């Protein structure tokens, strides 16, 4: 392993805070399917949707 490489997940550019949300079962199922198909975590899709909503507001 090269000397300048570190193990683990790369650090986020911006500090994130964790929250808890509740979703209806069908919405959660759709989010899980989207996440599985895209290989992106559910939190990624939630952030993208929220950013888009806030831009349009």
Protein backbone atom coordinates (compact mmCIF):
# COMPACT_ATOMS: atom_id res chain seq x y z
CA UNK A 1 0.00 0.00 0.00
CA UNK A 2 1.42 3.44 -0.93
CA UNK A 3 2.54 5.58 2.03
CA UNK A 4 0.16 8.48 1.36
CA UNK A 5 -2.95 6.28 1.16
CA UNK A 6 -5.20 5.76 4.17
CA UNK A 7 -7.66 2.99 4.76
CA UNK A 8 -11.40 3.34 4.93
CA UNK A 9 -13.98 5.63 3.44
CA UNK A 10 -12.83 9.05 2.16
CA UNK A 11 -13.77 11.95 4.43
CA UNK A 12 -16.72 14.07 3.31
CA UNK A 13 -15.83 17.56 2.11
CA UNK A 14 -18.61 18.98 4.24
CA UNK A 15 -19.45 17.80 7.76
CA UNK A 16 -22.74 15.91 7.84
CA UNK A 17 -25.24 15.65 10.68
CA UNK A 18 -27.38 12.61 11.23
CA UNK A 19 -31.17 12.86 11.49
CA UNK A 20 -34.02 10.37 11.75
CA UNK A 21 -37.01 10.41 9.41
CA UNK A 22 -40.15 8.34 9.13
CA UNK A 23 -41.45 7.26 5.73
CA UNK A 24 -44.55 5.38 4.64
CA UNK A 25 -43.75 1.73 3.79
CA UNK A 26 -44.33 2.16 0.04
CA UNK A 27 -42.08 5.22 -0.13
CA UNK A 28 -39.34 3.40 1.79
CA UNK A 29 -39.66 0.40 -0.53
CA UNK A 30 -39.29 2.66 -3.57
CA UNK A 31 -36.26 4.35 -2.04
CA UNK A 32 -34.62 1.00 -1.29
CA UNK A 33 -35.22 -0.18 -4.86
CA UNK A 34 -33.77 3.05 -6.27
CA UNK A 35 -30.76 2.68 -4.00
CA UNK A 36 -30.19 -0.94 -5.04
CA UNK A 37 -30.49 -0.14 -8.75
CA UNK A 38 -28.20 2.89 -8.63
CA UNK A 39 -25.62 1.54 -6.14
CA UNK A 40 -25.98 4.81 -4.20
CA UNK A 41 -27.05 4.88 -0.54
CA UNK A 42 -30.56 5.94 0.39
CA UNK A 43 -29.15 9.04 2.10
CA UNK A 44 -27.69 10.18 -1.25
CA UNK A 45 -31.12 10.12 -2.90
CA UNK A 46 -32.75 11.86 0.06
CA UNK A 47 -30.12 14.63 -0.05
CA UNK A 48 -30.55 15.01 -3.83
CA UNK A 49 -34.34 15.25 -3.56
CA UNK A 50 -34.18 17.71 -0.68
CA UNK A 51 -31.62 19.89 -2.48
CA UNK A 52 -33.84 19.98 -5.58
CA UNK A 53 -36.89 20.88 -3.47
CA UNK A 54 -35.02 23.69 -1.72
CA UNK A 55 -33.73 25.06 -5.05
CA UNK A 56 -37.28 25.28 -6.43
CA UNK A 57 -38.73 26.86 -3.31
